[in-house]
Amino acid sequence: MPSMQGDDFSKSVTYLCQHDDEGALGIIINKPHTMTMRAIFDQLSLTAVSEEVADTHLFMGGPVQPERGFVLHTPVGSWDSTLPVNDELALTSSKDILEAIAQNRGPEKWMVALGYAGWAAGQLEQEIQRNAWLHGEAEQHIIFEEPIMQRWELAGHRIGVDISLMSTDAGHC
């Protein structure tokens, strides 16, 4: 929501990858990191066959474990450490997918985020009740294809909301 200011989630679009009785895990998809894939490849002693891939920006996936990398991708595939999100998307945190991306043998669509957004059991539900978040169905084109700086507004439009017209004040009857 527009009222969320001054923290890691201000104007963020967070794709929820897991949400159950134990809590929730998501990746912020609209906050580019200053680092590129080249830094990851250098750290892992990998050589990218494509400058375009090496120069791809990472994302700040969230405030939890910002030193850890996560690849949000499609198709799901069969990587070493993968959390299938649905039939089309998965979240992978193993080196094998990074090796494949460096060699242009990775998933069709992908983004790499450092860190993730995490909520304890019931925490996200409480934040939604306090009007901290809008929520709706995700669309792959917003995650992977739309310009990064337009994703917040586009996610709002996806659920029928013009975020620029929303007030920062909220309340319940």
C-alpha atoms as a PDB file:
ATOM      1  CA  MET A   1       0.000   0.000   0.000  1.00  0.00           C
ATOM      2  CA  PRO A   2       1.153   3.586  -0.569  1.00  0.00           C
ATOM      3  CA  SER A   3       1.140   4.172   3.208  1.00  0.00           C
ATOM      4  CA  MET A   4       4.045   1.757   3.723  1.00  0.00           C
ATOM      5  CA  GLN A   5       6.946   4.196   3.784  1.00  0.00           C
ATOM      6  CA  GLY A   6      10.587   4.113   4.801  1.00  0.00           C
ATOM      7  CA  ASP A   7      11.201   0.410   4.961  1.00  0.00           C
ATOM      8  CA  ASP A   8      12.196  -2.522   2.776  1.00  0.00           C
ATOM      9  CA  PHE A   9       8.649  -2.882   1.456  1.00  0.00           C
ATOM     10  CA  SER A  10       7.845   0.683   0.394  1.00  0.00           C
ATOM     11  CA  LYS A  11       6.261   0.488  -3.081  1.00  0.00           C
ATOM     12  CA  SER A  12       7.266  -3.149  -3.382  1.00  0.00           C
ATOM     13  CA  VAL A  13       5.650  -5.890  -5.405  1.00  0.00           C
ATOM     14  CA  THR A  14       6.220  -9.174  -3.618  1.00  0.00           C
ATOM     15  CA  TYR A  15       5.520 -12.479  -5.313  1.00  0.00           C
ATOM     16  CA  LEU A  16       4.440 -15.024  -2.684  1.00  0.00           C
ATOM     17  CA  CYS A  17       6.171 -18.326  -3.315  1.00  0.00           C
ATOM     18  CA  GLN A  18       4.916 -20.151  -0.246  1.00  0.00           C
ATOM     19  CA  HIS A  19       2.071 -19.433   2.166  1.00  0.00           C
ATOM     20  CA  ASP A  20       0.854 -21.974   4.683  1.00  0.00           C
ATOM     21  CA  ASP A  21       0.143 -22.459   8.408  1.00  0.00           C
ATOM     22  CA  GLU A  22       3.835 -21.940   9.227  1.00  0.00           C
ATOM     23  CA  GLY A  23       4.115 -18.538   7.530  1.00  0.00           C
ATOM     24  CA  ALA A  24       4.907 -17.030   4.151  1.00  0.00           C
ATOM     25  CA  LEU A  25       7.899 -16.514   1.873  1.00  0.00           C
ATOM     26  CA  GLY A  26       8.054 -14.093  -1.022  1.00  0.00           C
ATOM     27  CA  ILE A  27      10.456 -12.399  -3.428  1.00  0.00           C
ATOM     28  CA  ILE A  28      10.313  -8.676  -4.145  1.00  0.00           C
ATOM     29  CA  ILE A  29      10.252  -8.356  -7.949  1.00  0.00           C
ATOM     30  CA  ASN A  30      10.588  -4.614  -8.475  1.00  0.00           C
ATOM     31  CA  LYS A  31      13.656  -3.463  -6.534  1.00  0.00           C
ATOM     32  CA  PRO A  32      16.808  -3.790  -8.623  1.00  0.00           C
ATOM     33  CA  HIS A  33      20.075  -4.360  -6.799  1.00  0.00           C
ATOM     34  CA  THR A  34      23.225  -2.440  -7.700  1.00  0.00           C
ATOM     35  CA  MET A  35      24.998  -5.755  -8.369  1.00  0.00           C
ATOM     36  CA  THR A  36      24.791  -7.748 -11.579  1.00  0.00           C
ATOM     37  CA  MET A  37      25.008 -11.461 -12.291  1.00  0.00           C
ATOM     38  CA  ARG A  38      28.717 -10.938 -13.003  1.00  0.00           C
ATOM     39  CA  ALA A  39      29.331 -10.569  -9.247  1.00  0.00           C
ATOM     40  CA  ILE A  40      27.571 -13.880  -8.566  1.00  0.00           C
ATOM     41  CA  PHE A  41      29.452 -15.623 -11.355  1.00  0.00           C
ATOM     42  CA  ASP A  42      32.784 -14.232 -10.096  1.00  0.00           C
ATOM     43  CA  GLN A  43      32.023 -15.344  -6.540  1.00  0.00           C
ATOM     44  CA  LEU A  44      31.207 -18.869  -7.755  1.00  0.00           C
ATOM     45  CA  SER A  45      34.090 -18.984 -10.278  1.00  0.00           C
ATOM     46  CA  LEU A  46      31.666 -19.283 -13.189  1.00  0.00           C
ATOM     47  CA  THR A  47      32.163 -17.779 -16.627  1.00  0.00           C
ATOM     48  CA  ALA A  48      29.150 -16.392 -18.434  1.00  0.00           C
ATOM     49  CA  VAL A  49      29.054 -17.117 -22.159  1.00  0.00           C
ATOM     50  CA  SER A  50      26.950 -13.997 -22.702  1.00  0.00           C
ATOM     51  CA  GLU A  51      27.719 -10.421 -21.669  1.00  0.00           C
ATOM     52  CA  GLU A  52      23.968  -9.793 -21.641  1.00  0.00           C
ATOM     53  CA  VAL A  53      23.481 -12.455 -18.962  1.00  0.00           C
ATOM     54  CA  ALA A  54      26.515 -11.268 -16.956  1.00  0.00           C
ATOM     55  CA  ASP A  55      25.199  -7.695 -17.002  1.00  0.00           C
ATOM     56  CA  THR A  56      21.688  -8.643 -15.845  1.00  0.00           C
ATOM     57  CA  HIS A  57      20.844  -6.884 -12.591  1.00  0.00           C
ATOM     58  CA  LEU A  58      20.029  -8.788  -9.453  1.00  0.00           C
ATOM     59  CA  PHE A  59      17.014  -7.888  -7.337  1.00  0.00           C
ATOM     60  CA  MET A  60      16.731  -7.087  -3.632  1.00  0.00           C
ATOM     61  CA  GLY A  61      14.408  -9.963  -2.839  1.00  0.00           C
ATOM     62  CA  GLY A  62      13.747  -8.963   0.749  1.00  0.00           C
ATOM     63  CA  PRO A  63      15.362  -8.210   4.085  1.00  0.00           C
ATOM     64  CA  VAL A  64      15.768 -11.820   5.254  1.00  0.00           C
ATOM     65  CA  GLN A  65      19.126 -13.476   4.460  1.00  0.00           C
ATOM     66  CA  PRO A  66      20.258 -10.815   1.933  1.00  0.00           C
ATOM     67  CA  GLU A  67      23.496 -12.746   1.390  1.00  0.00           C
ATOM     68  CA  ARG A  68      21.571 -15.718  -0.052  1.00  0.00           C
ATOM     69  CA  GLY A  69      20.504 -15.949  -3.691  1.00  0.00           C
ATOM     70  CA  PHE A  70      17.189 -17.179  -5.044  1.00  0.00           C
ATOM     71  CA  VAL A  71      16.213 -17.763  -8.668  1.00  0.00           C
ATOM     72  CA  LEU A  72      12.538 -17.242  -9.512  1.00  0.00           C
ATOM     73  CA  HIS A  73      11.992 -18.973 -12.831  1.00  0.00           C
ATOM     74  CA  THR A  74       9.856 -20.756 -15.387  1.00  0.00           C
ATOM     75  CA  PRO A  75       9.550 -23.587 -16.280  1.00  0.00           C
ATOM     76  CA  VAL A  76       9.892 -25.451 -12.988  1.00  0.00           C
ATOM     77  CA  GLY A  77      12.605 -27.863 -14.225  1.00  0.00           C
ATOM     78  CA  SER A  78      14.566 -30.308 -12.107  1.00  0.00           C
ATOM     79  CA  TRP A  79      17.204 -28.332 -10.221  1.00  0.00           C
ATOM     80  CA  ASP A  80      18.856 -29.526  -7.000  1.00  0.00           C
ATOM     81  CA  SER A  81      17.028 -27.280  -4.526  1.00  0.00           C
ATOM     82  CA  THR A  82      13.703 -26.153  -5.932  1.00  0.00           C
ATOM     83  CA  LEU A  83      10.444 -25.090  -4.361  1.00  0.00           C
ATOM     84  CA  PRO A  84       7.704 -25.503  -6.988  1.00  0.00           C
ATOM     85  CA  VAL A  85       5.368 -22.533  -6.567  1.00  0.00           C
ATOM     86  CA  ASN A  86       2.785 -23.737  -9.091  1.00  0.00           C
ATOM     87  CA  ASP A  87       2.773 -25.681 -12.379  1.00  0.00           C
ATOM     88  CA  GLU A  88       4.689 -22.909 -14.147  1.00  0.00           C
ATOM     89  CA  LEU A  89       6.919 -21.140 -11.595  1.00  0.00           C
ATOM     90  CA  ALA A  90       9.550 -22.264  -9.115  1.00  0.00           C
ATOM     91  CA  LEU A  91      12.060 -20.810  -6.677  1.00  0.00           C
ATOM     92  CA  THR A  92      15.505 -22.413  -6.761  1.00  0.00           C
ATOM     93  CA  SER A  93      18.477 -21.774  -4.487  1.00  0.00           C
ATOM     94  CA  SER A  94      21.096 -24.231  -5.753  1.00  0.00           C
ATOM     95  CA  LYS A  95      24.311 -23.589  -7.691  1.00  0.00           C
ATOM     96  CA  ASP A  96      23.336 -25.852 -10.598  1.00  0.00           C
ATOM     97  CA  ILE A  97      20.761 -23.380 -11.911  1.00  0.00           C
ATOM     98  CA  LEU A  98      23.314 -20.543 -11.785  1.00  0.00           C
ATOM     99  CA  GLU A  99      25.788 -22.697 -13.724  1.00  0.00           C
ATOM    100  CA  ALA A 100      23.098 -23.342 -16.345  1.00  0.00           C
ATOM    101  CA  ILE A 101      22.198 -19.638 -16.560  1.00  0.00           C
ATOM    102  CA  ALA A 102      25.885 -18.748 -17.042  1.00  0.00           C
ATOM    103  CA  GLN A 103      26.018 -21.189 -19.966  1.00  0.00           C
ATOM    104  CA  ASN A 104      22.682 -20.053 -21.492  1.00  0.00           C
ATOM    105  CA  ARG A 105      21.151 -23.437 -20.607  1.00  0.00           C
ATOM    106  CA  GLY A 106      18.969 -22.148 -17.778  1.00  0.00           C
ATOM    107  CA  PRO A 107      15.236 -21.690 -17.545  1.00  0.00           C
ATOM    108  CA  GLU A 108      13.370 -19.747 -20.215  1.00  0.00           C
ATOM    109  CA  LYS A 109      12.490 -16.864 -17.864  1.00  0.00           C
ATOM    110  CA  TRP A 110      14.374 -16.088 -14.671  1.00  0.00           C
ATOM    111  CA  MET A 111      15.365 -13.428 -12.180  1.00  0.00           C
ATOM    112  CA  VAL A 112      17.877 -13.660  -9.346  1.00  0.00           C
ATOM    113  CA  ALA A 113      17.142 -12.036  -6.003  1.00  0.00           C
ATOM    114  CA  LEU A 114      19.320 -11.622  -2.941  1.00  0.00           C
ATOM    115  CA  GLY A 115      17.308 -12.233   0.193  1.00  0.00           C
ATOM    116  CA  TYR A 116      13.610 -12.871   0.626  1.00  0.00           C
ATOM    117  CA  ALA A 117      10.575 -11.534   2.430  1.00  0.00           C
ATOM    118  CA  GLY A 118       9.399 -13.749   5.252  1.00  0.00           C
ATOM    119  CA  TRP A 119       6.486 -13.722   7.655  1.00  0.00           C
ATOM    120  CA  ALA A 120       5.813 -15.851  10.732  1.00  0.00           C
ATOM    121  CA  ALA A 121       2.584 -17.810  11.052  1.00  0.00           C
ATOM    122  CA  GLY A 122      -0.366 -15.403  10.883  1.00  0.00           C
ATOM    123  CA  GLN A 123       1.825 -12.305  10.467  1.00  0.00           C
ATOM    124  CA  LEU A 124       1.020 -11.625   6.815  1.00  0.00           C
ATOM    125  CA  GLU A 125      -2.703 -12.094   7.450  1.00  0.00           C
ATOM    126  CA  GLN A 126      -2.513  -9.514  10.254  1.00  0.00           C
ATOM    127  CA  GLU A 127      -0.689  -7.066   7.971  1.00  0.00           C
ATOM    128  CA  ILE A 128      -3.358  -7.511   5.282  1.00  0.00           C
ATOM    129  CA  GLN A 129      -6.087  -6.842   7.873  1.00  0.00           C
ATOM    130  CA  ARG A 130      -4.254  -3.619   8.834  1.00  0.00           C
ATOM    131  CA  ASN A 131      -4.360  -2.540   5.155  1.00  0.00           C
ATOM    132  CA  ALA A 132      -0.595  -2.818   4.731  1.00  0.00           C
ATOM    133  CA  TRP A 133      -0.861  -4.932   1.562  1.00  0.00           C
ATOM    134  CA  LEU A 134      -3.034  -5.271  -1.500  1.00  0.00           C
ATOM    135  CA  HIS A 135      -3.098  -8.789  -2.887  1.00  0.00           C
ATOM    136  CA  GLY A 136      -4.165 -10.518  -6.059  1.00  0.00           C
ATOM    137  CA  GLU A 137      -3.290 -13.142  -8.624  1.00  0.00           C
ATOM    138  CA  ALA A 138       0.161 -12.803 -10.182  1.00  0.00           C
ATOM    139  CA  GLU A 139       0.913 -12.570 -13.877  1.00  0.00           C
ATOM    140  CA  GLN A 140       4.156 -13.827 -15.364  1.00  0.00           C
ATOM    141  CA  HIS A 141       4.499 -10.893 -17.726  1.00  0.00           C
ATOM    142  CA  ILE A 142       4.610  -8.487 -14.751  1.00  0.00           C
ATOM    143  CA  ILE A 143       7.257 -10.613 -13.029  1.00  0.00           C
ATOM    144  CA  PHE A 144       9.548 -11.174 -16.001  1.00  0.00           C
ATOM    145  CA  GLU A 145       8.739  -8.838 -18.873  1.00  0.00           C
ATOM    146  CA  GLU A 146       7.418  -5.471 -17.757  1.00  0.00           C
ATOM    147  CA  PRO A 147       9.806  -2.617 -16.973  1.00  0.00           C
ATOM    148  CA  ILE A 148      10.916  -2.880 -13.362  1.00  0.00           C
ATOM    149  CA  MET A 149       9.831   0.615 -12.383  1.00  0.00           C
ATOM    150  CA  GLN A 150       6.284   0.027 -13.698  1.00  0.00           C
ATOM    151  CA  ARG A 151       5.591  -3.249 -11.876  1.00  0.00           C
ATOM    152  CA  TRP A 152       4.104  -1.650  -8.738  1.00  0.00           C
ATOM    153  CA  GLU A 153       1.575   0.327 -10.725  1.00  0.00           C
ATOM    154  CA  LEU A 154       0.854  -2.591 -13.100  1.00  0.00           C
ATOM    155  CA  ALA A 155       0.246  -4.965 -10.179  1.00  0.00           C
ATOM    156  CA  GLY A 156      -2.303  -2.481  -8.846  1.00  0.00           C
ATOM    157  CA  HIS A 157      -3.985  -2.218 -12.247  1.00  0.00           C
ATOM    158  CA  ARG A 158      -4.116  -6.038 -12.357  1.00  0.00           C
ATOM    159  CA  ILE A 159      -6.509  -5.982  -9.398  1.00  0.00           C
ATOM    160  CA  GLY A 160      -8.410  -2.916 -10.603  1.00  0.00           C
ATOM    161  CA  VAL A 161      -6.651  -0.288  -8.475  1.00  0.00           C
ATOM    162  CA  ASP A 162      -5.011   2.947  -9.598  1.00  0.00           C
ATOM    163  CA  ILE A 163      -2.393   3.170  -6.855  1.00  0.00           C
ATOM    164  CA  SER A 164      -1.593   6.788  -7.693  1.00  0.00           C
ATOM    165  CA  LEU A 165      -5.125   7.746  -6.587  1.00  0.00           C
ATOM    166  CA  MET A 166      -4.982   5.926  -3.240  1.00  0.00           C
ATOM    167  CA  SER A 167      -4.716   7.786   0.051  1.00  0.00           C
ATOM    168  CA  THR A 168      -2.004   6.980   2.546  1.00  0.00           C
ATOM    169  CA  ASP A 169      -4.687   7.010   5.278  1.00  0.00           C
ATOM    170  CA  ALA A 170      -6.580   3.781   5.936  1.00  0.00           C
ATOM    171  CA  GLY A 171      -9.059   2.533   8.465  1.00  0.00           C
ATOM    172  CA  HIS A 172     -11.667  -0.022   9.392  1.00  0.00           C
ATOM    173  CA  CYS A 173     -15.300   0.497  10.339  1.00  0.00           C
END
